[in-house]
Amino acid sequence: MSVIEITKNNFDQEVMQSEKPVLLDFWAAWCGPCKMLSPVVDEIAGEHPEIKVGKVNVDEEQELAARFGVMSIPSLFVMKQGKVANQSVGVQPKQRILDMLG
C-alpha cells in the first residue's frame, strides 16, 4: 500500500475511521532527520498492506500537529481504533517502528 498524505480534511476518514492500524509520520521538508526516516516509512508502507501509513506535513497541517502535541520532528504515532496506541520522536530503526505497530 502506498503512503497517504494526511490533511485535516481527510484525517477523520483515513485515520479515525480506519479499521487497520495507522502509522502517522509527522515531518517537514526542511527537516534532515525526517529525510532519513522517510525511506524507512515508505518501505514499511510497501511491505505491510495490513497497516495504513500516512504522512503529515507539519508546515501545512499545523492544526493536526498541535492536536497531537508534536514538538519535535520526525514524530511517529501509531493509531488504533482512533486512539494513540504508541508514539516515538526522532529517527527510529525499522524494527523499532514495526515493534511499535505490533
N, C-alpha and C. Protein backbone atom coordinates (compact mmCIF):
# COMPACT_ATOMS: atom_id res chain seq x y z
N MET A 1 0.85 -1.18 0.00
CA MET A 1 0.00 0.00 0.00
C MET A 1 0.88 1.24 0.00
N SER A 2 0.43 2.27 -0.68
CA SER A 2 1.26 3.47 -0.74
C SER A 2 0.97 4.38 0.45
N VAL A 3 1.83 5.35 0.61
CA VAL A 3 1.71 6.31 1.70
C VAL A 3 0.64 7.33 1.33
N ILE A 4 -0.18 7.68 2.31
CA ILE A 4 -1.27 8.64 2.10
C ILE A 4 -0.87 9.96 2.73
N GLU A 5 -1.08 11.06 2.01
CA GLU A 5 -0.86 12.37 2.60
C GLU A 5 -2.07 12.69 3.46
N ILE A 6 -1.82 12.90 4.74
CA ILE A 6 -2.91 13.17 5.69
C ILE A 6 -3.04 14.67 5.91
N THR A 7 -4.25 15.15 5.75
CA THR A 7 -4.56 16.56 6.00
C THR A 7 -5.74 16.62 6.97
N LYS A 8 -6.05 17.81 7.45
CA LYS A 8 -7.21 17.92 8.35
C LYS A 8 -8.49 17.53 7.63
N ASN A 9 -8.50 17.65 6.29
CA ASN A 9 -9.70 17.32 5.52
C ASN A 9 -9.95 15.82 5.42
N ASN A 10 -8.89 15.00 5.38
CA ASN A 10 -9.10 13.54 5.26
C ASN A 10 -8.74 12.78 6.54
N PHE A 11 -8.37 13.50 7.60
CA PHE A 11 -7.91 12.86 8.83
C PHE A 11 -8.96 11.91 9.42
N ASP A 12 -10.18 12.38 9.57
CA ASP A 12 -11.22 11.53 10.18
C ASP A 12 -11.44 10.26 9.37
N GLN A 13 -11.55 10.41 8.07
CA GLN A 13 -11.80 9.24 7.22
C GLN A 13 -10.62 8.28 7.19
N GLU A 14 -9.42 8.81 6.99
CA GLU A 14 -8.25 7.95 6.80
C GLU A 14 -7.67 7.41 8.11
N VAL A 15 -7.80 8.16 9.20
CA VAL A 15 -7.16 7.77 10.46
C VAL A 15 -8.19 7.31 11.50
N MET A 16 -9.11 8.19 11.84
CA MET A 16 -10.05 7.89 12.92
C MET A 16 -10.99 6.73 12.58
N GLN A 17 -11.37 6.62 11.31
CA GLN A 17 -12.31 5.57 10.92
C GLN A 17 -11.62 4.34 10.31
N SER A 18 -10.30 4.32 10.34
CA SER A 18 -9.55 3.21 9.74
C SER A 18 -9.73 1.93 10.56
N GLU A 19 -9.97 0.84 9.85
CA GLU A 19 -10.06 -0.45 10.53
C GLU A 19 -8.68 -1.04 10.74
N LYS A 20 -7.69 -0.55 9.99
CA LYS A 20 -6.30 -1.01 10.13
C LYS A 20 -5.57 -0.07 11.09
N PRO A 21 -4.49 -0.57 11.71
CA PRO A 21 -3.63 0.35 12.46
C PRO A 21 -3.05 1.38 11.48
N VAL A 22 -2.85 2.61 11.96
CA VAL A 22 -2.32 3.68 11.11
C VAL A 22 -1.01 4.17 11.71
N LEU A 23 0.02 4.20 10.88
CA LEU A 23 1.31 4.79 11.27
C LEU A 23 1.33 6.21 10.71
N LEU A 24 1.38 7.20 11.58
CA LEU A 24 1.43 8.60 11.16
C LEU A 24 2.85 9.13 11.33
N ASP A 25 3.38 9.70 10.26
CA ASP A 25 4.71 10.29 10.27
C ASP A 25 4.56 11.80 10.15
N PHE A 26 4.85 12.52 11.23
CA PHE A 26 4.83 13.99 11.20
C PHE A 26 6.21 14.46 10.78
N TRP A 27 6.28 15.23 9.69
CA TRP A 27 7.56 15.59 9.07
C TRP A 27 7.49 17.00 8.49
N ALA A 28 8.64 17.48 8.00
CA ALA A 28 8.72 18.74 7.25
C ALA A 28 9.84 18.63 6.22
N ALA A 29 9.68 19.35 5.12
CA ALA A 29 10.64 19.28 4.01
C ALA A 29 12.04 19.73 4.43
N TRP A 30 12.14 20.66 5.39
CA TRP A 30 13.43 21.22 5.80
C TRP A 30 14.14 20.38 6.86
N CYS A 31 13.50 19.30 7.30
CA CYS A 31 13.99 18.51 8.44
C CYS A 31 14.90 17.37 7.97
N GLY A 32 16.19 17.46 8.29
CA GLY A 32 17.15 16.43 7.89
C GLY A 32 16.82 15.04 8.41
N PRO A 33 16.57 14.89 9.73
CA PRO A 33 16.21 13.56 10.24
C PRO A 33 14.93 12.99 9.59
N CYS A 34 14.01 13.88 9.21
CA CYS A 34 12.78 13.42 8.54
C CYS A 34 13.13 12.76 7.21
N LYS A 35 14.11 13.35 6.51
CA LYS A 35 14.54 12.81 5.22
C LYS A 35 15.20 11.44 5.40
N MET A 36 15.86 11.25 6.54
CA MET A 36 16.49 9.95 6.83
C MET A 36 15.42 8.89 7.13
N LEU A 37 14.36 9.30 7.82
CA LEU A 37 13.31 8.36 8.24
C LEU A 37 12.34 8.03 7.12
N SER A 38 12.13 8.95 6.21
CA SER A 38 11.11 8.81 5.17
C SER A 38 11.21 7.51 4.36
N PRO A 39 12.42 7.12 3.89
CA PRO A 39 12.51 5.87 3.11
C PRO A 39 12.12 4.63 3.94
N VAL A 40 12.40 4.67 5.24
CA VAL A 40 12.04 3.55 6.13
C VAL A 40 10.52 3.45 6.23
N VAL A 41 9.87 4.61 6.40
CA VAL A 41 8.41 4.64 6.49
C VAL A 41 7.80 4.18 5.16
N ASP A 42 8.37 4.62 4.04
CA ASP A 42 7.88 4.20 2.72
C ASP A 42 8.02 2.69 2.54
N GLU A 43 9.14 2.15 3.02
CA GLU A 43 9.40 0.71 2.92
C GLU A 43 8.36 -0.08 3.72
N ILE A 44 8.06 0.39 4.92
CA ILE A 44 7.04 -0.27 5.76
C ILE A 44 5.69 -0.25 5.05
N ALA A 45 5.36 0.88 4.44
CA ALA A 45 4.09 1.00 3.71
C ALA A 45 4.02 -0.02 2.57
N GLY A 46 5.13 -0.20 1.86
CA GLY A 46 5.16 -1.14 0.74
C GLY A 46 5.13 -2.59 1.16
N GLU A 47 5.70 -2.90 2.31
CA GLU A 47 5.83 -4.29 2.75
C GLU A 47 4.69 -4.78 3.64
N HIS A 48 3.90 -3.86 4.17
CA HIS A 48 2.88 -4.24 5.16
C HIS A 48 1.49 -3.70 4.79
N PRO A 49 0.78 -4.40 3.91
CA PRO A 49 -0.54 -3.93 3.49
C PRO A 49 -1.57 -3.93 4.62
N GLU A 50 -1.25 -4.61 5.72
CA GLU A 50 -2.18 -4.65 6.86
C GLU A 50 -2.11 -3.37 7.70
N ILE A 51 -1.19 -2.47 7.33
CA ILE A 51 -1.01 -1.20 8.05
C ILE A 51 -1.27 -0.06 7.07
N LYS A 52 -1.96 0.96 7.53
CA LYS A 52 -2.13 2.17 6.72
C LYS A 52 -1.04 3.14 7.17
N VAL A 53 -0.35 3.76 6.21
CA VAL A 53 0.74 4.69 6.53
C VAL A 53 0.39 6.06 5.97
N GLY A 54 0.44 7.05 6.86
CA GLY A 54 0.14 8.41 6.45
C GLY A 54 1.24 9.36 6.87
N LYS A 55 1.44 10.40 6.07
CA LYS A 55 2.43 11.43 6.39
C LYS A 55 1.72 12.76 6.56
N VAL A 56 2.12 13.47 7.60
CA VAL A 56 1.54 14.77 7.91
C VAL A 56 2.65 15.82 7.83
N ASN A 57 2.53 16.73 6.87
CA ASN A 57 3.49 17.82 6.74
C ASN A 57 3.14 18.88 7.78
N VAL A 58 3.99 19.04 8.79
CA VAL A 58 3.68 19.93 9.92
C VAL A 58 3.60 21.40 9.50
N ASP A 59 4.28 21.78 8.42
CA ASP A 59 4.19 23.17 7.96
C ASP A 59 2.82 23.45 7.34
N GLU A 60 2.26 22.46 6.67
CA GLU A 60 0.96 22.64 6.02
C GLU A 60 -0.20 22.28 6.93
N GLU A 61 0.04 21.44 7.91
CA GLU A 61 -1.03 20.95 8.79
C GLU A 61 -0.72 21.24 10.26
N GLN A 62 -0.54 22.52 10.56
CA GLN A 62 -0.18 22.93 11.92
C GLN A 62 -1.26 22.55 12.94
N GLU A 63 -2.51 22.55 12.48
CA GLU A 63 -3.63 22.19 13.36
C GLU A 63 -3.51 20.73 13.84
N LEU A 64 -3.18 19.82 12.91
CA LEU A 64 -3.01 18.41 13.28
C LEU A 64 -1.79 18.23 14.18
N ALA A 65 -0.71 18.93 13.86
CA ALA A 65 0.49 18.83 14.69
C ALA A 65 0.18 19.28 16.11
N ALA A 66 -0.58 20.36 16.25
CA ALA A 66 -0.95 20.86 17.57
C ALA A 66 -1.86 19.86 18.28
N ARG A 67 -2.77 19.27 17.54
CA ARG A 67 -3.71 18.30 18.11
C ARG A 67 -2.97 17.11 18.74
N PHE A 68 -1.85 16.74 18.14
CA PHE A 68 -1.05 15.62 18.64
C PHE A 68 0.08 16.08 19.57
N GLY A 69 0.19 17.38 19.78
CA GLY A 69 1.24 17.90 20.67
C GLY A 69 2.63 17.68 20.13
N VAL A 70 2.78 17.72 18.80
CA VAL A 70 4.09 17.49 18.18
C VAL A 70 5.00 18.69 18.44
N MET A 71 6.09 18.45 19.14
CA MET A 71 7.06 19.50 19.44
C MET A 71 8.36 19.29 18.68
N SER A 72 8.67 18.05 18.33
CA SER A 72 9.89 17.71 17.59
C SER A 72 9.51 16.78 16.45
N ILE A 73 10.23 16.92 15.37
CA ILE A 73 10.00 16.02 14.24
C ILE A 73 11.32 15.38 13.85
N PRO A 74 11.29 14.19 13.26
CA PRO A 74 10.08 13.43 12.97
C PRO A 74 9.45 12.84 14.23
N SER A 75 8.12 12.81 14.22
CA SER A 75 7.36 12.14 15.27
C SER A 75 6.48 11.09 14.62
N LEU A 76 6.48 9.91 15.20
CA LEU A 76 5.64 8.82 14.70
C LEU A 76 4.56 8.51 15.73
N PHE A 77 3.35 8.31 15.23
CA PHE A 77 2.23 7.91 16.09
C PHE A 77 1.58 6.69 15.49
N VAL A 78 1.27 5.71 16.33
CA VAL A 78 0.51 4.54 15.89
C VAL A 78 -0.91 4.74 16.41
N MET A 79 -1.85 4.75 15.49
CA MET A 79 -3.26 4.93 15.84
C MET A 79 -3.99 3.60 15.66
N LYS A 80 -4.74 3.21 16.68
CA LYS A 80 -5.56 2.01 16.60
C LYS A 80 -6.95 2.37 17.09
N GLN A 81 -7.94 2.15 16.25
CA GLN A 81 -9.34 2.45 16.57
C GLN A 81 -9.51 3.89 17.06
N GLY A 82 -8.82 4.82 16.38
CA GLY A 82 -8.98 6.23 16.68
C GLY A 82 -8.22 6.74 17.89
N LYS A 83 -7.39 5.89 18.48
CA LYS A 83 -6.64 6.31 19.68
C LYS A 83 -5.13 6.10 19.45
N VAL A 84 -4.34 6.93 20.12
CA VAL A 84 -2.88 6.79 20.04
C VAL A 84 -2.49 5.55 20.83
N ALA A 85 -1.92 4.56 20.14
CA ALA A 85 -1.50 3.32 20.79
C ALA A 85 -0.02 3.34 21.12
N ASN A 86 0.75 4.14 20.38
CA ASN A 86 2.19 4.21 20.59
C ASN A 86 2.72 5.45 19.90
N GLN A 87 3.88 5.92 20.33
CA GLN A 87 4.49 7.07 19.67
C GLN A 87 5.98 7.11 19.94
N SER A 88 6.69 7.81 19.04
CA SER A 88 8.13 8.00 19.23
C SER A 88 8.55 9.29 18.55
N VAL A 89 9.69 9.81 18.98
CA VAL A 89 10.24 11.04 18.41
C VAL A 89 11.65 10.74 17.93
N GLY A 90 11.98 11.26 16.76
CA GLY A 90 13.32 11.07 16.21
C GLY A 90 13.39 9.90 15.26
N VAL A 91 14.55 9.75 14.65
CA VAL A 91 14.76 8.66 13.70
C VAL A 91 14.79 7.34 14.46
N GLN A 92 14.03 6.38 13.98
CA GLN A 92 13.96 5.06 14.62
C GLN A 92 14.37 3.99 13.62
N PRO A 93 15.00 2.92 14.09
CA PRO A 93 15.28 1.81 13.17
C PRO A 93 13.96 1.14 12.77
N LYS A 94 13.99 0.54 11.61
CA LYS A 94 12.78 -0.09 11.06
C LYS A 94 12.15 -1.08 12.06
N GLN A 95 12.95 -1.92 12.68
CA GLN A 95 12.40 -2.93 13.59
C GLN A 95 11.69 -2.28 14.78
N ARG A 96 12.23 -1.18 15.27
CA ARG A 96 11.59 -0.46 16.39
C ARG A 96 10.20 0.04 15.97
N ILE A 97 10.10 0.54 14.74
CA ILE A 97 8.81 1.03 14.25
C ILE A 97 7.83 -0.14 14.11
N LEU A 98 8.31 -1.25 13.57
CA LEU A 98 7.46 -2.44 13.44
C LEU A 98 7.02 -2.95 14.81
N ASP A 99 7.91 -2.89 15.79
CA ASP A 99 7.56 -3.30 17.17
C ASP A 99 6.47 -2.39 17.74
N MET A 100 6.55 -1.11 17.43
CA MET A 100 5.53 -0.16 17.88
C MET A 100 4.15 -0.52 17.34
N LEU A 101 4.13 -1.05 16.13
CA LEU A 101 2.87 -1.39 15.47
C LEU A 101 2.28 -2.68 15.99
N GLY A 102 3.13 -3.56 16.58
CA GLY A 102 2.72 -4.88 16.98
C GLY A 102 1.84 -4.97 18.15
